[in-house]
N, C-alpha and C. Protein backbone atom coordinates (compact mmCIF):
# COMPACT_ATOMS: atom_id res chain seq x y z
N UNK A 1 0.87 -1.27 -0.21
CA UNK A 1 0.02 -0.04 -0.11
C UNK A 1 0.89 1.39 0.07
N UNK A 2 1.92 1.26 0.48
CA UNK A 2 2.93 2.41 1.00
C UNK A 2 3.41 2.39 -0.59
N UNK A 3 3.81 1.63 -1.44
CA UNK A 3 4.06 1.86 -2.49
C UNK A 3 3.31 2.72 -3.43
N UNK A 4 1.96 2.68 -3.46
CA UNK A 4 1.20 3.37 -4.13
C UNK A 4 1.37 4.76 -4.10
N UNK A 5 1.71 4.93 -2.61
CA UNK A 5 1.67 6.44 -2.03
C UNK A 5 2.92 7.20 -2.36
N UNK A 6 4.09 6.46 -2.91
CA UNK A 6 5.04 7.04 -3.07
C UNK A 6 5.33 8.23 -3.70
N UNK A 7 4.48 8.37 -4.74
CA UNK A 7 4.96 9.26 -5.94
C UNK A 7 3.45 10.37 -5.59
N UNK A 8 2.74 10.29 -4.45
CA UNK A 8 1.68 11.11 -4.42
C UNK A 8 2.32 11.99 -3.22
N UNK A 9 2.13 13.44 -3.41
CA UNK A 9 2.49 14.29 -2.22
C UNK A 9 1.36 14.72 -1.82
N UNK A 10 1.14 14.46 -0.38
CA UNK A 10 -0.03 14.82 0.35
C UNK A 10 -0.74 15.91 0.06
N UNK A 11 -2.00 16.48 -0.10
CA UNK A 11 -2.36 17.66 -0.37
C UNK A 11 -2.00 18.81 0.45
N UNK A 12 -2.05 18.06 1.72
CA UNK A 12 -1.90 19.45 2.81
C UNK A 12 -0.60 19.88 2.75
N UNK A 13 0.40 19.03 2.01
CA UNK A 13 1.88 19.45 1.90
C UNK A 13 2.42 20.48 0.83
N UNK A 14 0.76 20.40 -0.12
CA UNK A 14 1.12 21.67 -1.10
C UNK A 14 0.84 23.13 -0.79
N UNK A 15 0.50 23.32 0.73
CA UNK A 15 0.36 24.59 1.26
C UNK A 15 1.55 24.91 1.60
N UNK A 16 1.98 26.28 1.74
CA UNK A 16 3.06 26.88 2.04
C UNK A 16 3.13 26.95 3.53
N UNK A 17 3.94 27.05 4.33
CA UNK A 17 3.74 27.30 5.77
C UNK A 17 3.94 28.80 5.76
N UNK A 18 3.38 29.45 6.92
CA UNK A 18 3.71 30.62 7.19
C UNK A 18 4.45 30.55 8.58
N UNK A 19 5.11 29.50 8.64
CA UNK A 19 6.33 29.23 10.24
C UNK A 19 7.55 30.39 9.53
N UNK A 20 8.10 30.74 10.42
CA UNK A 20 9.62 31.22 10.20
C UNK A 20 10.75 30.50 11.08
N UNK A 21 11.42 29.85 10.21
CA UNK A 21 12.90 29.34 10.98
C UNK A 21 13.56 30.35 11.39
N UNK A 22 14.43 30.24 12.73
CA UNK A 22 15.19 31.01 13.33
C UNK A 22 16.70 30.58 13.21
N UNK A 23 16.62 28.96 13.47
CA UNK A 23 17.87 28.24 13.45
C UNK A 23 17.97 27.28 13.98
N UNK A 24 18.87 26.16 13.65
CA UNK A 24 18.77 24.89 14.15
C UNK A 24 18.81 24.83 15.64
N UNK A 25 18.08 24.10 16.14
CA UNK A 25 18.47 23.55 17.75
C UNK A 25 18.73 22.03 17.81
N UNK A 26 18.58 21.41 16.94
CA UNK A 26 18.73 19.76 17.11
C UNK A 26 18.79 19.28 15.32
N UNK A 27 19.56 17.86 15.27
CA UNK A 27 19.57 17.50 14.18
C UNK A 27 19.44 15.63 14.07
N UNK A 28 18.71 15.39 13.30
CA UNK A 28 18.65 13.70 13.18
C UNK A 28 18.90 13.44 11.76
N UNK A 29 18.56 11.53 11.72
CA UNK A 29 18.93 11.23 10.42
C UNK A 29 18.23 11.85 9.03
N UNK A 30 16.93 11.91 9.37
CA UNK A 30 15.98 12.39 8.36
C UNK A 30 15.98 13.98 8.31
N UNK A 31 15.83 14.73 9.38
CA UNK A 31 15.37 15.93 9.58
C UNK A 31 16.32 17.15 10.50
N UNK A 32 15.69 18.28 10.61
CA UNK A 32 16.47 19.08 11.76
C UNK A 32 15.27 19.74 12.31
N UNK A 33 15.36 20.04 13.36
CA UNK A 33 14.45 21.07 14.38
C UNK A 33 15.02 22.38 14.43
N UNK A 34 14.12 23.36 13.94
CA UNK A 34 14.46 24.63 13.77
C UNK A 34 13.67 25.38 15.09
N UNK A 35 14.36 26.28 15.75
CA UNK A 35 13.79 26.97 16.54
C UNK A 35 12.64 28.11 15.60
N UNK A 36 11.47 28.48 15.81
CA UNK A 36 10.54 29.08 14.65
C UNK A 36 9.73 30.30 15.59
N UNK A 37 8.88 30.58 14.67
CA UNK A 37 8.01 31.80 15.20
C UNK A 37 7.08 31.50 14.57
N UNK A 38 5.46 31.54 15.03
CA UNK A 38 4.39 31.66 14.08
C UNK A 38 4.04 33.00 14.11
N UNK A 39 3.84 33.53 12.90
CA UNK A 39 3.69 35.46 12.83
C UNK A 39 2.36 35.78 13.30
N UNK A 40 1.53 34.94 12.80
CA UNK A 40 0.20 34.92 12.91
C UNK A 40 -0.28 34.85 14.27
N UNK A 41 0.36 34.18 15.14
CA UNK A 41 -0.40 33.92 16.87
C UNK A 41 0.78 34.20 17.46
N UNK A 42 1.94 34.35 17.21
CA UNK A 42 3.40 35.22 18.19
C UNK A 42 3.43 34.37 18.84
N UNK A 43 4.04 32.98 18.51
CA UNK A 43 4.29 32.38 19.53
C UNK A 43 5.59 31.35 19.12
N UNK A 44 6.37 30.83 19.98
CA UNK A 44 7.60 30.04 19.59
C UNK A 44 7.24 28.67 19.17
N UNK A 45 7.94 28.33 18.37
CA UNK A 45 7.55 26.98 17.53
C UNK A 45 8.83 25.97 17.76
N UNK A 46 8.73 24.74 17.57
CA UNK A 46 10.10 23.87 17.12
C UNK A 46 9.14 23.18 15.96
N UNK A 47 10.06 23.42 14.57
CA UNK A 47 9.79 23.15 13.27
C UNK A 47 10.83 21.94 12.86
N UNK A 48 10.18 20.92 12.63
CA UNK A 48 10.58 19.79 12.19
C UNK A 48 10.90 20.06 10.50
N UNK A 49 12.00 20.01 9.98
CA UNK A 49 11.96 20.15 8.50
C UNK A 49 12.84 19.06 7.90
N UNK A 50 12.70 18.36 6.97
CA UNK A 50 13.06 17.72 6.13
C UNK A 50 14.68 17.91 5.62
N UNK A 51 15.96 17.53 5.81
CA UNK A 51 17.27 17.83 5.15
C UNK A 51 17.01 18.33 3.71
N UNK A 52 17.67 19.15 3.48
CA UNK A 52 17.74 19.34 2.24
C UNK A 52 18.03 17.94 1.11
N UNK A 53 18.86 17.34 1.61
CA UNK A 53 19.41 16.22 1.15
C UNK A 53 18.48 15.17 0.62
N UNK A 54 17.26 15.06 1.33
CA UNK A 54 16.11 14.10 1.17
C UNK A 54 14.74 14.93 0.59
N UNK A 55 14.76 16.25 0.05
CA UNK A 55 13.88 16.69 -0.39
C UNK A 55 13.12 16.08 -1.72
N UNK A 56 14.11 15.40 -2.51
CA UNK A 56 13.40 14.76 -3.56
C UNK A 56 13.30 13.56 -3.23
N UNK A 57 13.47 12.66 -2.30
CA UNK A 57 13.00 11.42 -2.34
C UNK A 57 11.61 11.18 -1.50
N UNK A 58 10.74 10.45 -2.54
CA UNK A 58 9.30 10.14 -2.17
C UNK A 58 9.04 9.48 -0.87
N UNK A 59 10.16 8.56 -0.74
CA UNK A 59 9.83 7.63 0.44
C UNK A 59 10.03 8.42 1.90
N UNK A 60 11.33 9.23 1.76
CA UNK A 60 11.76 10.08 3.14
C UNK A 60 10.06 11.05 3.25
N UNK A 61 9.85 11.67 2.33
CA UNK A 61 8.65 12.62 2.22
C UNK A 61 7.63 12.03 2.79
N UNK A 62 7.34 10.88 2.14
CA UNK A 62 6.01 10.08 2.93
C UNK A 62 6.38 9.89 4.50
N UNK A 63 7.63 9.55 4.75
CA UNK A 63 7.57 8.76 6.26
C UNK A 63 7.57 10.26 6.69
N UNK A 64 7.86 11.30 6.47
CA UNK A 64 8.06 12.75 7.44
C UNK A 64 6.39 12.78 7.58
N UNK A 65 5.70 12.74 6.65
CA UNK A 65 4.25 12.93 6.59
C UNK A 65 3.42 11.98 7.56
N UNK A 66 4.00 10.79 7.50
CA UNK A 66 3.54 9.70 8.24
C UNK A 66 3.47 10.02 10.03
N UNK A 67 4.77 10.54 10.06
CA UNK A 67 5.30 10.84 11.43
C UNK A 67 4.53 11.94 11.91
N UNK A 68 4.20 12.87 11.03
CA UNK A 68 3.45 14.15 11.48
C UNK A 68 2.14 13.53 11.88
N UNK A 69 1.52 13.04 11.21
CA UNK A 69 -0.09 12.49 11.32
C UNK A 69 -0.03 11.58 12.44
N UNK A 70 1.22 10.76 12.92
CA UNK A 70 0.73 9.90 14.03
C UNK A 70 1.34 10.71 15.03
N UNK A 71 2.54 11.67 14.99
CA UNK A 71 2.62 12.10 16.12
C UNK A 71 1.74 13.47 16.42
N UNK A 72 0.32 13.84 15.73
CA UNK A 72 -0.71 14.41 15.69
C UNK A 72 -2.06 14.06 16.55
N UNK A 73 -1.66 12.53 16.69
CA UNK A 73 -3.04 11.91 17.23
C UNK A 73 -2.49 11.44 18.66
N UNK A 74 -1.44 11.66 18.96
CA UNK A 74 -1.13 11.10 20.34
C UNK A 74 -1.21 12.34 21.61
N UNK A 75 -1.63 11.95 22.57
CA UNK A 75 -1.93 13.15 23.73
C UNK A 75 -1.21 12.33 24.56
N UNK A 76 0.05 13.22 25.00
CA UNK A 76 0.24 12.51 26.50
C UNK A 76 1.44 13.79 26.57
N UNK A 77 1.52 13.79 28.12
CA UNK A 77 2.34 14.87 28.55
C UNK A 77 3.75 15.10 28.16
N UNK A 78 4.27 13.79 27.53
CA UNK A 78 5.81 13.94 27.25
C UNK A 78 6.09 14.53 25.72
N UNK A 79 4.81 14.39 25.20
CA UNK A 79 5.03 14.56 23.64
C UNK A 79 4.43 15.96 23.08
N UNK A 80 5.30 16.72 22.39
CA UNK A 80 4.97 18.04 21.76
C UNK A 80 3.65 18.21 21.21
N UNK A 81 2.68 18.82 21.23
CA UNK A 81 1.70 18.78 20.35
C UNK A 81 2.04 19.37 19.22
N UNK A 82 1.42 18.61 17.44
CA UNK A 82 1.89 19.20 16.63
C UNK A 82 0.69 20.11 16.11
N UNK A 83 1.02 21.63 15.57
CA UNK A 83 0.12 22.47 15.39
C UNK A 83 0.12 22.89 13.91
N UNK A 84 0.90 22.47 13.01
CA UNK A 84 0.91 22.43 11.56
C UNK A 84 1.65 21.70 10.95
N UNK A 85 1.27 21.22 10.04
CA UNK A 85 1.70 20.41 8.53
C UNK A 85 1.90 21.17 7.31
N UNK A 86 3.06 21.47 6.49
CA UNK A 86 3.08 22.20 5.73
C UNK A 86 4.58 22.06 4.75
N UNK A 87 4.75 22.78 4.08
CA UNK A 87 6.21 22.76 3.35
C UNK A 87 6.83 24.28 3.58
N UNK A 88 7.87 24.46 3.57
CA UNK A 88 8.83 25.73 3.10
C UNK A 88 8.74 25.81 1.56
N UNK A 89 9.39 27.39 1.34
CA UNK A 89 8.94 27.59 -0.20
C UNK A 89 9.79 26.54 -0.99
N UNK A 90 10.72 26.10 -0.71
CA UNK A 90 11.92 25.35 -1.41
C UNK A 90 11.31 23.63 -1.38
N UNK A 91 9.95 23.75 -1.04
CA UNK A 91 9.08 22.52 -1.11
C UNK A 91 9.56 21.28 0.07
N UNK A 92 10.14 21.78 0.97
CA UNK A 92 10.68 20.57 2.07
C UNK A 92 9.53 20.50 3.03
N UNK A 93 8.96 19.28 3.12
CA UNK A 93 8.08 19.09 4.15
C UNK A 93 8.41 19.76 5.55
N UNK A 94 7.61 20.07 6.14
CA UNK A 94 7.48 20.08 7.67
C UNK A 94 6.46 19.84 8.44
N UNK A 95 6.81 20.05 10.02
CA UNK A 95 5.74 20.19 10.84
C UNK A 95 5.85 20.93 12.06
N UNK A 96 5.32 21.69 12.37
CA UNK A 96 5.44 22.71 13.71
C UNK A 96 4.72 22.07 14.80
N UNK A 97 5.59 22.69 15.93
CA UNK A 97 5.01 21.92 17.27
C UNK A 97 5.21 22.99 18.68
N UNK A 98 4.81 22.47 19.46
CA UNK A 98 5.01 23.50 20.77
C UNK A 98 6.48 23.50 21.06
N UNK A 99 7.28 24.62 20.86
CA UNK A 99 8.68 24.93 21.45
C UNK A 99 8.68 24.37 23.06
N UNK A 100 9.11 23.47 23.60
CA UNK A 100 9.29 22.95 24.84
C UNK A 100 10.76 23.42 25.28
N UNK A 101 10.59 24.39 26.24
CA UNK A 101 11.64 24.98 26.75
C UNK A 101 12.26 24.02 28.04
N UNK A 102 13.65 24.24 28.26
CA UNK A 102 14.18 23.35 29.26
C UNK A 102 15.34 22.66 29.22
N UNK A 103 15.83 21.71 30.05
CA UNK A 103 16.74 21.16 30.01
C UNK A 103 16.76 20.01 29.01
N UNK A 104 17.58 19.36 28.23
CA UNK A 104 17.87 18.30 27.37
C UNK A 104 18.08 17.43 28.46
N UNK A 105 17.56 16.12 27.79
CA UNK A 105 17.66 14.76 28.59
C UNK A 105 19.30 14.57 28.93
N UNK A 106 20.08 14.52 27.71
CA UNK A 106 21.50 14.94 28.09
C UNK A 106 21.88 15.88 29.33
N UNK A 107 21.62 16.87 29.40
CA UNK A 107 21.79 17.54 30.46
C UNK A 107 21.54 17.26 32.00
N UNK A 108 20.33 16.19 31.78
CA UNK A 108 20.17 16.42 33.28
C UNK A 108 20.76 14.93 33.60
N UNK A 109 21.67 14.37 33.70
CA UNK A 109 22.29 13.17 33.97
C UNK A 109 23.51 13.34 34.59
């Protein structure tokens, strides 16, 4: 079933995001987390954006989309709620979530 979806960009990703990225705060294998801001609501965000190296890979784009969908359905105090799903002007998919401030787990050891 996933193979049928690989060449489809989910319709919601066709909408350019209004979120503004201020700079990286973390990085993973597929994406980076930017500290950002929602200019309409005036609040800080954490923006998970696909790395530029993966922006043309339909499988990784689909995985990113599915991660956002699954994360948006979870309600737990340890999981930041997802507020937006979209893409930057350069077509990289992103999802924006509440920016949780405080110490990282690495600093708590």
